Amino acid sequence: MYCLATVIIVLAIAGCLPRSEPSSDEQQPNVGAVTQPETAESSVSDASVDDNKIEAPPEPVKKKPADTEAQEKPANAGTKKKATYVPVDLSAAFNASATAGDNGFDGYGNAYPADKLPHGRKNFGASPVVFELPDVSDTEKNVVTASGQTLKIAPGNYTALHLIAAATDGDQKAGLVLTYGDEDAVAALKISDWCGKPAFGEIQIASWPRVSGENEDAQCKLYIQKIAVDPAKKLSSITLPKSELIHMFALTLEK
């Protein structure tokens, strides 16, 4: 009886006490809600977003069509200026013969065959350089033998001079005087022997058996030689060396 009375008293006291609510820290989780895990992507995105400033992604670079790019380039871009060639008339300076005469072309009675030498205005092979070659029907004077004479030219700014020439008694070297107004410059003039082989980088344009000599089987040539000219200065005249072993058939200026 005593025990039963004690239980009844305890229950009565418990019923009278106020019921306490669990604290927020002690609240039970909502069993029905599913919590998504925070991914690395979402955390990076959240960290880079400014609430006050949102940067738009850069616009893709648009590639211009090929035809548009071609239209924007200058018409002369990458193109080289076409050279102009000015043949010089040497007829007034002719003082020897390459085809006849008592001593021939080389001083020993040997000469070029008159019916084989080129004449008139022409170029050779793939070279665009045009020359004015002598009329060899005049067997007395059809070549310029260098003796220090000054050649008259049309003054101008040139890049090079091209000459058709040949030497006798072996390969020859001398100085060619280029006059720019009041200033002279000496250029190296190197010409190979007419019955030898190109020794100074010349272009051999033809070969013929020489005539009127002791050995008519020898093959004799003409050569094209190129000499640089200062394009920044106006060339007014050209003076040949005093060397009668150098013979010039034609001269052309390039600009």
C-alpha atoms as a PDB file:
ATOM      1  CA  MET A   1       0.000   0.000   0.000  1.00  0.00           C
ATOM      2  CA  TYR A   2       2.826   2.329   0.861  1.00  0.00           C
ATOM      3  CA  CYS A   3       4.575   1.771  -2.417  1.00  0.00           C
ATOM      4  CA  LEU A   4       1.464   2.329  -4.479  1.00  0.00           C
ATOM      5  CA  ALA A   5       0.741   5.569  -2.684  1.00  0.00           C
ATOM      6  CA  THR A   6       4.269   6.778  -3.386  1.00  0.00           C
ATOM      7  CA  VAL A   7       3.963   6.143  -7.138  1.00  0.00           C
ATOM      8  CA  ILE A   8       0.664   7.948  -7.288  1.00  0.00           C
ATOM      9  CA  ILE A   9       2.174  11.007  -5.538  1.00  0.00           C
ATOM     10  CA  VAL A  10       5.143  11.093  -7.914  1.00  0.00           C
ATOM     11  CA  LEU A  11       2.913  10.915 -10.988  1.00  0.00           C
ATOM     12  CA  ALA A  12       0.714  13.662  -9.629  1.00  0.00           C
ATOM     13  CA  ILE A  13       3.683  15.940  -9.047  1.00  0.00           C
ATOM     14  CA  ALA A  14       5.015  15.244 -12.607  1.00  0.00           C
ATOM     15  CA  GLY A  15       1.691  16.137 -14.111  1.00  0.00           C
ATOM     16  CA  CYS A  16       1.672  19.476 -12.418  1.00  0.00           C
ATOM     17  CA  LEU A  17       5.160  20.543 -13.562  1.00  0.00           C
ATOM     18  CA  PRO A  18       5.384  22.666 -16.801  1.00  0.00           C
ATOM     19  CA  ARG A  19       6.603  20.800 -19.917  1.00  0.00           C
ATOM     20  CA  SER A  20       9.964  22.130 -21.241  1.00  0.00           C
ATOM     21  CA  GLU A  21      10.636  22.464 -24.999  1.00  0.00           C
ATOM     22  CA  PRO A  22      13.942  21.343 -26.426  1.00  0.00           C
ATOM     23  CA  SER A  23      16.421  24.152 -27.310  1.00  0.00           C
ATOM     24  CA  SER A  24      17.249  25.039 -30.850  1.00  0.00           C
ATOM     25  CA  ASP A  25      20.550  23.216 -30.467  1.00  0.00           C
ATOM     26  CA  GLU A  26      18.697  20.149 -29.310  1.00  0.00           C
ATOM     27  CA  GLN A  27      16.007  20.177 -32.009  1.00  0.00           C
ATOM     28  CA  GLN A  28      15.781  16.937 -33.911  1.00  0.00           C
ATOM     29  CA  PRO A  29      16.518  17.005 -37.542  1.00  0.00           C
ATOM     30  CA  ASN A  30      13.670  16.890 -40.046  1.00  0.00           C
ATOM     31  CA  VAL A  31      13.678  13.318 -41.069  1.00  0.00           C
ATOM     32  CA  GLY A  32      11.627  13.992 -44.201  1.00  0.00           C
ATOM     33  CA  ALA A  33      13.937  16.702 -45.700  1.00  0.00           C
ATOM     34  CA  VAL A  34      16.869  15.765 -47.956  1.00  0.00           C
ATOM     35  CA  THR A  35      19.981  17.915 -47.558  1.00  0.00           C
ATOM     36  CA  GLN A  36      22.127  18.294 -50.748  1.00  0.00           C
ATOM     37  CA  PRO A  37      25.884  18.124 -50.179  1.00  0.00           C
ATOM     38  CA  GLU A  38      27.822  21.283 -51.042  1.00  0.00           C
ATOM     39  CA  THR A  39      29.937  20.660 -54.127  1.00  0.00           C
ATOM     40  CA  ALA A  40      33.264  22.252 -55.054  1.00  0.00           C
ATOM     41  CA  GLU A  41      31.656  23.803 -58.126  1.00  0.00           C
ATOM     42  CA  SER A  42      28.938  25.572 -56.157  1.00  0.00           C
ATOM     43  CA  SER A  43      31.368  26.861 -53.554  1.00  0.00           C
ATOM     44  CA  VAL A  44      33.722  28.261 -56.194  1.00  0.00           C
ATOM     45  CA  SER A  45      30.845  29.872 -58.040  1.00  0.00           C
ATOM     46  CA  ASP A  46      29.535  31.483 -54.839  1.00  0.00           C
ATOM     47  CA  ALA A  47      32.967  32.791 -53.921  1.00  0.00           C
ATOM     48  CA  SER A  48      33.508  34.470 -57.292  1.00  0.00           C
ATOM     49  CA  VAL A  49      30.167  36.187 -57.591  1.00  0.00           C
ATOM     50  CA  ASP A  50      29.978  39.787 -56.464  1.00  0.00           C
ATOM     51  CA  ASP A  51      26.495  40.771 -55.286  1.00  0.00           C
ATOM     52  CA  ASN A  52      26.953  44.281 -56.733  1.00  0.00           C
ATOM     53  CA  LYS A  53      28.932  43.463 -59.915  1.00  0.00           C
ATOM     54  CA  ILE A  54      28.472  40.577 -62.299  1.00  0.00           C
ATOM     55  CA  GLU A  55      30.992  40.377 -65.138  1.00  0.00           C
ATOM     56  CA  ALA A  56      29.720  39.088 -68.454  1.00  0.00           C
ATOM     57  CA  PRO A  57      31.828  36.415 -70.228  1.00  0.00           C
ATOM     58  CA  PRO A  58      34.145  37.789 -72.994  1.00  0.00           C
ATOM     59  CA  GLU A  59      32.731  37.778 -76.511  1.00  0.00           C
ATOM     60  CA  PRO A  60      34.342  35.272 -78.901  1.00  0.00           C
ATOM     61  CA  VAL A  61      36.795  36.745 -81.435  1.00  0.00           C
ATOM     62  CA  LYS A  62      35.297  36.741 -84.883  1.00  0.00           C
ATOM     63  CA  LYS A  63      37.728  35.649 -87.631  1.00  0.00           C
ATOM     64  CA  LYS A  64      37.643  37.752 -90.752  1.00  0.00           C
ATOM     65  CA  PRO A  65      36.973  35.956 -94.006  1.00  0.00           C
ATOM     66  CA  ALA A  66      40.046  35.453 -96.204  1.00  0.00           C
ATOM     67  CA  ASP A  67      38.668  37.693 -98.959  1.00  0.00           C
ATOM     68  CA  THR A  68      38.109  40.540 -96.474  1.00  0.00           C
ATOM     69  CA  GLU A  69      41.706  40.336 -95.228  1.00  0.00           C
ATOM     70  CA  ALA A  70      42.967  40.427 -98.800  1.00  0.00           C
ATOM     71  CA  GLN A  71      40.900  43.545 -99.509  1.00  0.00           C
ATOM     72  CA  GLU A  72      42.350  45.342 -96.460  1.00  0.00           C
ATOM     73  CA  LYS A  73      45.984  44.760 -97.550  1.00  0.00           C
ATOM     74  CA  PRO A  74      47.537  47.368 -99.828  1.00  0.00           C
ATOM     75  CA  ALA A  75      47.663  46.346-103.456  1.00  0.00           C
ATOM     76  CA  ASN A  76      51.459  46.624-103.536  1.00  0.00           C
ATOM     77  CA  ALA A  77      52.115  44.866-100.204  1.00  0.00           C
ATOM     78  CA  GLY A  78      54.926  42.334-100.536  1.00  0.00           C
ATOM     79  CA  THR A  79      55.498  43.076-104.214  1.00  0.00           C
ATOM     80  CA  LYS A  80      58.888  43.986-105.555  1.00  0.00           C
ATOM     81  CA  LYS A  81      59.256  47.007-107.794  1.00  0.00           C
ATOM     82  CA  LYS A  82      59.791  45.996-111.400  1.00  0.00           C
ATOM     83  CA  ALA A  83      63.215  46.930-112.715  1.00  0.00           C
ATOM     84  CA  THR A  84      63.638  49.261-115.681  1.00  0.00           C
ATOM     85  CA  TYR A  85      66.535  48.827-118.129  1.00  0.00           C
ATOM     86  CA  VAL A  86      68.120  51.674-120.065  1.00  0.00           C
ATOM     87  CA  PRO A  87      70.472  50.587-122.897  1.00  0.00           C
ATOM     88  CA  VAL A  88      73.346  53.017-123.539  1.00  0.00           C
ATOM     89  CA  ASP A  89      74.317  53.874-127.130  1.00  0.00           C
ATOM     90  CA  LEU A  90      78.071  53.193-127.331  1.00  0.00           C
ATOM     91  CA  SER A  91      78.466  53.785-131.063  1.00  0.00           C
ATOM     92  CA  ALA A  92      80.192  57.158-130.549  1.00  0.00           C
ATOM     93  CA  ALA A  93      82.812  55.434-128.366  1.00  0.00           C
ATOM     94  CA  PHE A  94      83.638  52.531-130.714  1.00  0.00           C
ATOM     95  CA  ASN A  95      87.382  52.571-131.387  1.00  0.00           C
ATOM     96  CA  ALA A  96      88.315  49.015-132.414  1.00  0.00           C
ATOM     97  CA  SER A  97      87.107  45.971-134.296  1.00  0.00           C
ATOM     98  CA  ALA A  98      86.120  42.609-132.866  1.00  0.00           C
ATOM     99  CA  THR A  99      85.702  40.956-136.263  1.00  0.00           C
ATOM    100  CA  ALA A 100      88.531  42.116-138.550  1.00  0.00           C
ATOM    101  CA  GLY A 101      91.515  44.402-138.859  1.00  0.00           C
ATOM    102  CA  ASP A 102      95.205  43.788-139.322  1.00  0.00           C
ATOM    103  CA  ASN A 103      95.750  42.751-135.714  1.00  0.00           C
ATOM    104  CA  GLY A 104      92.354  41.176-135.182  1.00  0.00           C
ATOM    105  CA  PHE A 105      90.525  41.433-131.867  1.00  0.00           C
ATOM    106  CA  ASP A 106      93.385  40.271-129.642  1.00  0.00           C
ATOM    107  CA  GLY A 107      96.351  41.920-131.378  1.00  0.00           C
ATOM    108  CA  TYR A 108      97.512  38.618-132.853  1.00  0.00           C
ATOM    109  CA  GLY A 109      95.209  38.457-135.861  1.00  0.00           C
ATOM    110  CA  ASN A 110      92.442  36.484-134.108  1.00  0.00           C
ATOM    111  CA  ALA A 111      88.828  37.696-134.187  1.00  0.00           C
ATOM    112  CA  TYR A 112      85.169  36.809-133.636  1.00  0.00           C
ATOM    113  CA  PRO A 113      83.183  35.494-136.629  1.00  0.00           C
ATOM    114  CA  ALA A 114      81.207  38.517-137.910  1.00  0.00           C
ATOM    115  CA  ASP A 115      78.309  36.372-139.060  1.00  0.00           C
ATOM    116  CA  LYS A 116      77.869  34.847-135.571  1.00  0.00           C
ATOM    117  CA  LEU A 117      77.977  37.842-133.251  1.00  0.00           C
ATOM    118  CA  PRO A 118      74.580  39.054-131.958  1.00  0.00           C
ATOM    119  CA  HIS A 119      73.568  42.564-132.938  1.00  0.00           C
ATOM    120  CA  GLY A 120      70.699  44.992-132.405  1.00  0.00           C
ATOM    121  CA  ARG A 121      68.538  45.287-129.289  1.00  0.00           C
ATOM    122  CA  LYS A 122      67.975  42.014-127.437  1.00  0.00           C
ATOM    123  CA  ASN A 123      68.208  40.075-124.206  1.00  0.00           C
ATOM    124  CA  PHE A 124      69.764  36.662-123.595  1.00  0.00           C
ATOM    125  CA  GLY A 125      68.116  33.566-122.181  1.00  0.00           C
ATOM    126  CA  ALA A 126      65.829  34.160-119.202  1.00  0.00           C
ATOM    127  CA  SER A 127      67.558  37.437-118.290  1.00  0.00           C
ATOM    128  CA  PRO A 128      65.266  40.484-118.633  1.00  0.00           C
ATOM    129  CA  VAL A 129      68.217  42.840-119.261  1.00  0.00           C
ATOM    130  CA  VAL A 130      68.005  44.400-122.712  1.00  0.00           C
ATOM    131  CA  PHE A 131      71.208  45.401-124.543  1.00  0.00           C
ATOM    132  CA  GLU A 132      71.941  47.477-127.628  1.00  0.00           C
ATOM    133  CA  LEU A 133      74.624  45.495-129.485  1.00  0.00           C
ATOM    134  CA  PRO A 134      76.780  46.910-132.290  1.00  0.00           C
ATOM    135  CA  ASP A 135      76.209  46.448-135.980  1.00  0.00           C
ATOM    136  CA  VAL A 136      79.122  44.225-136.961  1.00  0.00           C
ATOM    137  CA  SER A 137      78.686  45.016-140.653  1.00  0.00           C
ATOM    138  CA  ASP A 138      81.030  47.905-139.869  1.00  0.00           C
ATOM    139  CA  THR A 139      84.164  45.810-139.580  1.00  0.00           C
ATOM    140  CA  GLU A 140      86.406  48.712-138.577  1.00  0.00           C
ATOM    141  CA  LYS A 141      84.720  50.025-135.430  1.00  0.00           C
ATOM    142  CA  ASN A 142      82.253  47.862-133.543  1.00  0.00           C
ATOM    143  CA  VAL A 143      83.629  47.579-130.002  1.00  0.00           C
ATOM    144  CA  VAL A 144      84.915  49.853-127.225  1.00  0.00           C
ATOM    145  CA  THR A 145      88.471  49.103-126.137  1.00  0.00           C
ATOM    146  CA  ALA A 146      89.061  50.670-122.710  1.00  0.00           C
ATOM    147  CA  SER A 147      91.468  53.599-122.905  1.00  0.00           C
ATOM    148  CA  GLY A 148      90.289  55.919-120.126  1.00  0.00           C
ATOM    149  CA  GLN A 149      87.366  57.414-122.062  1.00  0.00           C
ATOM    150  CA  THR A 150      84.243  58.782-120.329  1.00  0.00           C
ATOM    151  CA  LEU A 151      80.906  57.392-121.464  1.00  0.00           C
ATOM    152  CA  LYS A 152      77.914  59.680-121.671  1.00  0.00           C
ATOM    153  CA  ILE A 153      74.744  58.407-119.995  1.00  0.00           C
ATOM    154  CA  ALA A 154      71.352  59.783-119.017  1.00  0.00           C
ATOM    155  CA  PRO A 155      71.878  61.020-115.424  1.00  0.00           C
ATOM    156  CA  GLY A 156      69.697  59.229-112.906  1.00  0.00           C
ATOM    157  CA  ASN A 157      69.434  57.027-109.842  1.00  0.00           C
ATOM    158  CA  TYR A 158      70.416  53.514-110.858  1.00  0.00           C
ATOM    159  CA  THR A 159      70.880  50.270-108.946  1.00  0.00           C
ATOM    160  CA  ALA A 160      73.298  48.483-111.273  1.00  0.00           C
ATOM    161  CA  LEU A 161      75.000  48.496-114.626  1.00  0.00           C
ATOM    162  CA  HIS A 162      75.206  45.459-116.906  1.00  0.00           C
ATOM    163  CA  LEU A 163      77.830  45.149-119.600  1.00  0.00           C
ATOM    164  CA  ILE A 164      78.737  42.691-122.339  1.00  0.00           C
ATOM    165  CA  ALA A 165      82.500  42.428-122.547  1.00  0.00           C
ATOM    166  CA  ALA A 166      85.511  40.194-123.011  1.00  0.00           C
ATOM    167  CA  ALA A 167      89.217  40.426-122.183  1.00  0.00           C
ATOM    168  CA  THR A 168      92.299  39.429-124.160  1.00  0.00           C
ATOM    169  CA  ASP A 169      95.664  38.097-122.975  1.00  0.00           C
ATOM    170  CA  GLY A 170      94.055  36.397-119.988  1.00  0.00           C
ATOM    171  CA  ASP A 171      91.582  37.510-117.304  1.00  0.00           C
ATOM    172  CA  GLN A 172      91.735  41.227-116.546  1.00  0.00           C
ATOM    173  CA  LYS A 173      90.981  43.407-113.496  1.00  0.00           C
ATOM    174  CA  ALA A 174      90.749  47.196-113.408  1.00  0.00           C
ATOM    175  CA  GLY A 175      88.862  50.092-111.824  1.00  0.00           C
ATOM    176  CA  LEU A 176      85.691  51.586-113.281  1.00  0.00           C
ATOM    177  CA  VAL A 177      85.019  55.177-112.159  1.00  0.00           C
ATOM    178  CA  LEU A 178      81.383  55.977-111.339  1.00  0.00           C
ATOM    179  CA  THR A 179      80.748  59.719-111.091  1.00  0.00           C
ATOM    180  CA  TYR A 180      77.885  60.959-108.883  1.00  0.00           C
ATOM    181  CA  GLY A 181      77.819  64.707-109.467  1.00  0.00           C
ATOM    182  CA  ASP A 182      81.046  66.007-107.878  1.00  0.00           C
ATOM    183  CA  GLU A 183      81.875  62.678-106.242  1.00  0.00           C
ATOM    184  CA  ASP A 184      83.763  59.747-107.798  1.00  0.00           C
ATOM    185  CA  ALA A 185      83.596  56.124-106.703  1.00  0.00           C
ATOM    186  CA  VAL A 186      85.725  53.303-108.071  1.00  0.00           C
ATOM    187  CA  ALA A 187      84.058  49.959-108.786  1.00  0.00           C
ATOM    188  CA  ALA A 188      85.931  46.751-109.504  1.00  0.00           C
ATOM    189  CA  LEU A 189      85.792  45.757-113.171  1.00  0.00           C
ATOM    190  CA  LYS A 190      86.640  42.071-113.669  1.00  0.00           C
ATOM    191  CA  ILE A 191      86.421  40.494-117.108  1.00  0.00           C
ATOM    192  CA  SER A 192      87.367  36.960-118.166  1.00  0.00           C
ATOM    193  CA  ASP A 193      89.484  36.014-121.185  1.00  0.00           C
ATOM    194  CA  TRP A 194      87.509  35.718-124.409  1.00  0.00           C
ATOM    195  CA  CYS A 195      88.761  32.181-125.110  1.00  0.00           C
ATOM    196  CA  GLY A 196      88.823  31.022-121.495  1.00  0.00           C
ATOM    197  CA  LYS A 197      86.095  30.319-118.932  1.00  0.00           C
ATOM    198  CA  PRO A 198      84.022  32.674-116.725  1.00  0.00           C
ATOM    199  CA  ALA A 199      86.304  33.450-113.785  1.00  0.00           C
ATOM    200  CA  PHE A 200      84.440  36.272-112.016  1.00  0.00           C
ATOM    201  CA  GLY A 201      80.831  35.090-111.867  1.00  0.00           C
ATOM    202  CA  GLU A 202      79.923  36.404-115.313  1.00  0.00           C
ATOM    203  CA  ILE A 203      77.209  34.886-117.463  1.00  0.00           C
ATOM    204  CA  GLN A 204      78.514  33.369-120.695  1.00  0.00           C
ATOM    205  CA  ILE A 205      76.046  34.225-123.443  1.00  0.00           C
ATOM    206  CA  ALA A 206      77.592  32.425-126.428  1.00  0.00           C
ATOM    207  CA  SER A 207      80.635  30.640-127.780  1.00  0.00           C
ATOM    208  CA  TRP A 208      82.049  30.609-131.319  1.00  0.00           C
ATOM    209  CA  PRO A 209      85.197  29.305-132.979  1.00  0.00           C
ATOM    210  CA  ARG A 210      87.597  32.203-133.466  1.00  0.00           C
ATOM    211  CA  VAL A 211      88.705  33.044-136.972  1.00  0.00           C
ATOM    212  CA  SER A 212      91.813  34.378-138.742  1.00  0.00           C
ATOM    213  CA  GLY A 213      94.124  32.783-136.210  1.00  0.00           C
ATOM    214  CA  GLU A 214      96.577  29.975-136.030  1.00  0.00           C
ATOM    215  CA  ASN A 215      94.120  27.831-134.047  1.00  0.00           C
ATOM    216  CA  GLU A 216      90.605  28.189-135.441  1.00  0.00           C
ATOM    217  CA  ASP A 217      89.274  25.435-133.148  1.00  0.00           C
ATOM    218  CA  ALA A 218      89.475  27.638-130.049  1.00  0.00           C
ATOM    219  CA  GLN A 219      86.030  28.532-128.691  1.00  0.00           C
ATOM    220  CA  CYS A 220      85.724  32.220-127.828  1.00  0.00           C
ATOM    221  CA  LYS A 221      82.949  33.847-125.790  1.00  0.00           C
ATOM    222  CA  LEU A 222      81.170  36.980-124.698  1.00  0.00           C
ATOM    223  CA  TYR A 223      80.222  37.574-121.053  1.00  0.00           C
ATOM    224  CA  ILE A 224      77.618  39.572-119.132  1.00  0.00           C
ATOM    225  CA  GLN A 225      79.018  41.242-116.010  1.00  0.00           C
ATOM    226  CA  LYS A 226      76.992  43.128-113.381  1.00  0.00           C
ATOM    227  CA  ILE A 227      78.318  45.999-111.235  1.00  0.00           C
ATOM    228  CA  ALA A 228      76.417  47.555-108.321  1.00  0.00           C
ATOM    229  CA  VAL A 229      75.564  51.284-108.347  1.00  0.00           C
ATOM    230  CA  ASP A 230      74.524  53.439-105.378  1.00  0.00           C
ATOM    231  CA  PRO A 231      70.771  54.086-105.913  1.00  0.00           C
ATOM    232  CA  ALA A 232      70.762  56.936-103.361  1.00  0.00           C
ATOM    233  CA  LYS A 233      73.032  59.026-105.588  1.00  0.00           C
ATOM    234  CA  LYS A 234      72.508  60.356-109.109  1.00  0.00           C
ATOM    235  CA  LEU A 235      74.944  58.736-111.521  1.00  0.00           C
ATOM    236  CA  SER A 236      76.134  61.225-114.151  1.00  0.00           C
ATOM    237  CA  SER A 237      78.942  59.457-116.058  1.00  0.00           C
ATOM    238  CA  ILE A 238      81.110  56.335-116.300  1.00  0.00           C
ATOM    239  CA  THR A 239      84.863  56.408-117.015  1.00  0.00           C
ATOM    240  CA  LEU A 240      86.606  53.309-118.350  1.00  0.00           C
ATOM    241  CA  PRO A 241      90.053  52.259-117.146  1.00  0.00           C
ATOM    242  CA  LYS A 242      93.159  52.631-119.273  1.00  0.00           C
ATOM    243  CA  SER A 243      93.410  48.979-120.176  1.00  0.00           C
ATOM    244  CA  GLU A 244      93.357  48.041-123.862  1.00  0.00           C
ATOM    245  CA  LEU A 245      92.917  44.398-122.892  1.00  0.00           C
ATOM    246  CA  ILE A 246      89.292  45.029-121.816  1.00  0.00           C
ATOM    247  CA  HIS A 247      86.694  45.320-124.577  1.00  0.00           C
ATOM    248  CA  MET A 248      83.060  46.388-124.146  1.00  0.00           C
ATOM    249  CA  PHE A 249      80.316  45.533-126.634  1.00  0.00           C
ATOM    250  CA  ALA A 250      77.228  46.855-124.835  1.00  0.00           C
ATOM    251  CA  LEU A 251      76.161  48.644-121.643  1.00  0.00           C
ATOM    252  CA  THR A 252      72.757  48.817-119.937  1.00  0.00           C
ATOM    253  CA  LEU A 253      71.749  50.694-116.775  1.00  0.00           C
ATOM    254  CA  GLU A 254      69.198  49.296-114.321  1.00  0.00           C
ATOM    255  CA  LYS A 255      66.877  51.294-112.068  1.00  0.00           C
END
